[in-house]
C-alpha atoms as a PDB file:
ATOM      1  CA  MET A   1     -18.216   0.455   2.521  1.00  0.00           C
ATOM      2  CA  PRO A   2     -17.976   2.976   4.633  1.00  0.00           C
ATOM      3  CA  GLU A   3     -15.513   0.661   6.998  1.00  0.00           C
ATOM      4  CA  ALA A   4     -13.281  -0.146   3.893  1.00  0.00           C
ATOM      5  CA  TRP A   5     -12.402   3.839   3.815  1.00  0.00           C
ATOM      6  CA  PRO A   6      -9.693   4.178   5.998  1.00  0.00           C
ATOM      7  CA  THR A   7      -7.939   1.272   4.268  1.00  0.00           C
ATOM      8  CA  VAL A   8      -8.678   3.032   1.119  1.00  0.00           C
ATOM      9  CA  ARG A   9      -7.130   6.190   1.881  1.00  0.00           C
ATOM     10  CA  ALA A  10      -4.031   4.466   3.418  1.00  0.00           C
ATOM     11  CA  PHE A  11      -3.628   3.086   0.352  1.00  0.00           C
ATOM     12  CA  LEU A  12      -3.657   6.139  -2.038  1.00  0.00           C
ATOM     13  CA  ALA A  13      -1.419   7.743   0.745  1.00  0.00           C
ATOM     14  CA  VAL A  14       0.945   5.115   0.331  1.00  0.00           C
ATOM     15  CA  GLN A  15       1.592   5.199  -3.399  1.00  0.00           C
ATOM     16  CA  THR A  16       4.816   7.083  -3.063  1.00  0.00           C
ATOM     17  CA  GLN A  17       6.247   4.337  -1.205  1.00  0.00           C
ATOM     18  CA  TRP A  18       6.924   1.263  -3.655  1.00  0.00           C
ATOM     19  CA  ARG A  19       9.949  -0.305  -3.613  1.00  0.00           C
ATOM     20  CA  VAL A  20      11.093  -0.346  -7.366  1.00  0.00           C
ATOM     21  CA  SER A  21      13.712  -2.333  -8.906  1.00  0.00           C
ATOM     22  CA  PRO A  22      16.175  -0.609 -11.318  1.00  0.00           C
ATOM     23  CA  ASN A  23      13.940  -1.840 -14.065  1.00  0.00           C
ATOM     24  CA  GLY A  24      10.607  -0.532 -12.598  1.00  0.00           C
ATOM     25  CA  VAL A  25       9.090  -3.434 -11.196  1.00  0.00           C
ATOM     26  CA  ARG A  26       7.146  -2.713  -8.146  1.00  0.00           C
ATOM     27  CA  LEU A  27       8.496  -5.397  -5.662  1.00  0.00           C
ATOM     28  CA  GLY A  28       6.460  -4.183  -2.666  1.00  0.00           C
ATOM     29  CA  LEU A  29       5.480  -1.584  -0.211  1.00  0.00           C
ATOM     30  CA  ASP A  30       8.000   0.055   2.150  1.00  0.00           C
ATOM     31  CA  TYR A  31       6.277  -0.568   5.059  1.00  0.00           C
ATOM     32  CA  PRO A  32       8.061   2.052   7.160  1.00  0.00           C
ATOM     33  CA  GLY A  33       7.464   4.730   4.720  1.00  0.00           C
ATOM     34  CA  ALA A  34       4.047   3.425   4.369  1.00  0.00           C
ATOM     35  CA  ARG A  35       3.256   3.757   7.941  1.00  0.00           C
ATOM     36  CA  ALA A  36       4.390   7.232   8.028  1.00  0.00           C
ATOM     37  CA  ALA A  37       2.185   8.183   5.377  1.00  0.00           C
ATOM     38  CA  ALA A  38      -0.673   6.457   6.689  1.00  0.00           C
ATOM     39  CA  LYS A  39      -0.093   8.287  10.464  1.00  0.00           C
ATOM     40  CA  GLY A  40       0.463  11.932   8.827  1.00  0.00           C
ATOM     41  CA  LEU A  41      -3.331  11.741   7.657  1.00  0.00           C
ATOM     42  CA  GLY A  42      -4.017  10.455  11.057  1.00  0.00           C
ATOM     43  CA  ILE A  43      -4.926   6.796   9.579  1.00  0.00           C
ATOM     44  CA  GLN A  44      -4.498   4.248  12.441  1.00  0.00           C
ATOM     45  CA  TRP A  45      -1.911   1.930  11.146  1.00  0.00           C
ATOM     46  CA  LYS A  46      -3.108  -1.228  12.857  1.00  0.00           C
ATOM     47  CA  LYS A  47      -6.404  -1.076  11.820  1.00  0.00           C
ATOM     48  CA  VAL A  48      -5.289  -0.669   8.019  1.00  0.00           C
ATOM     49  CA  PHE A  49      -2.036  -2.745   7.793  1.00  0.00           C
ATOM     50  CA  GLY A  50      -3.549  -6.480   6.936  1.00  0.00           C
ATOM     51  CA  ASN A  51      -5.908  -4.886   4.324  1.00  0.00           C
ATOM     52  CA  LEU A  52      -3.268  -2.834   2.987  1.00  0.00           C
ATOM     53  CA  ARG A  53      -1.216  -5.880   2.646  1.00  0.00           C
ATOM     54  CA  LEU A  54      -3.846  -7.536   0.543  1.00  0.00           C
ATOM     55  CA  MET A  55      -4.206  -4.611  -1.994  1.00  0.00           C
ATOM     56  CA  ALA A  56      -0.549  -4.384  -2.570  1.00  0.00           C
ATOM     57  CA  THR A  57      -0.100  -8.249  -2.720  1.00  0.00           C
ATOM     58  CA  GLU A  58      -3.223  -7.706  -5.532  1.00  0.00           C
ATOM     59  CA  VAL A  59      -1.259  -5.090  -7.044  1.00  0.00           C
ATOM     60  CA  LEU A  60       1.744  -7.198  -7.317  1.00  0.00           C
ATOM     61  CA  ASN A  61      -0.141 -10.064  -8.325  1.00  0.00           C
ATOM     62  CA  ALA A  62      -1.916  -8.090 -11.332  1.00  0.00           C
ATOM     63  CA  GLN A  63       1.547  -6.835 -12.462  1.00  0.00           C
ATOM     64  CA  SER A  64       3.122 -10.266 -12.631  1.00  0.00           C
ATOM     65  CA  GLU A  65       0.028 -11.296 -14.895  1.00  0.00           C
ATOM     66  CA  THR A  66       0.782  -8.370 -17.389  1.00  0.00           C
ATOM     67  CA  ALA A  67       4.992  -8.831 -17.241  1.00  0.00           C
END
């Protein structure tokens, strides 16, 4: 699905922008940092933000299932 590629690129770009608790549990994305990372790649934030939130939510859901 070529239309999903900008969101996938954004998701990969923001992997350094997770907020993490002291015990290493992901709490969510730091959206200002994520936006800056996406912008650095020329990705239009408004086009990917909704789908990026969905992907981040799925990561958090999967994490809670394994905890």
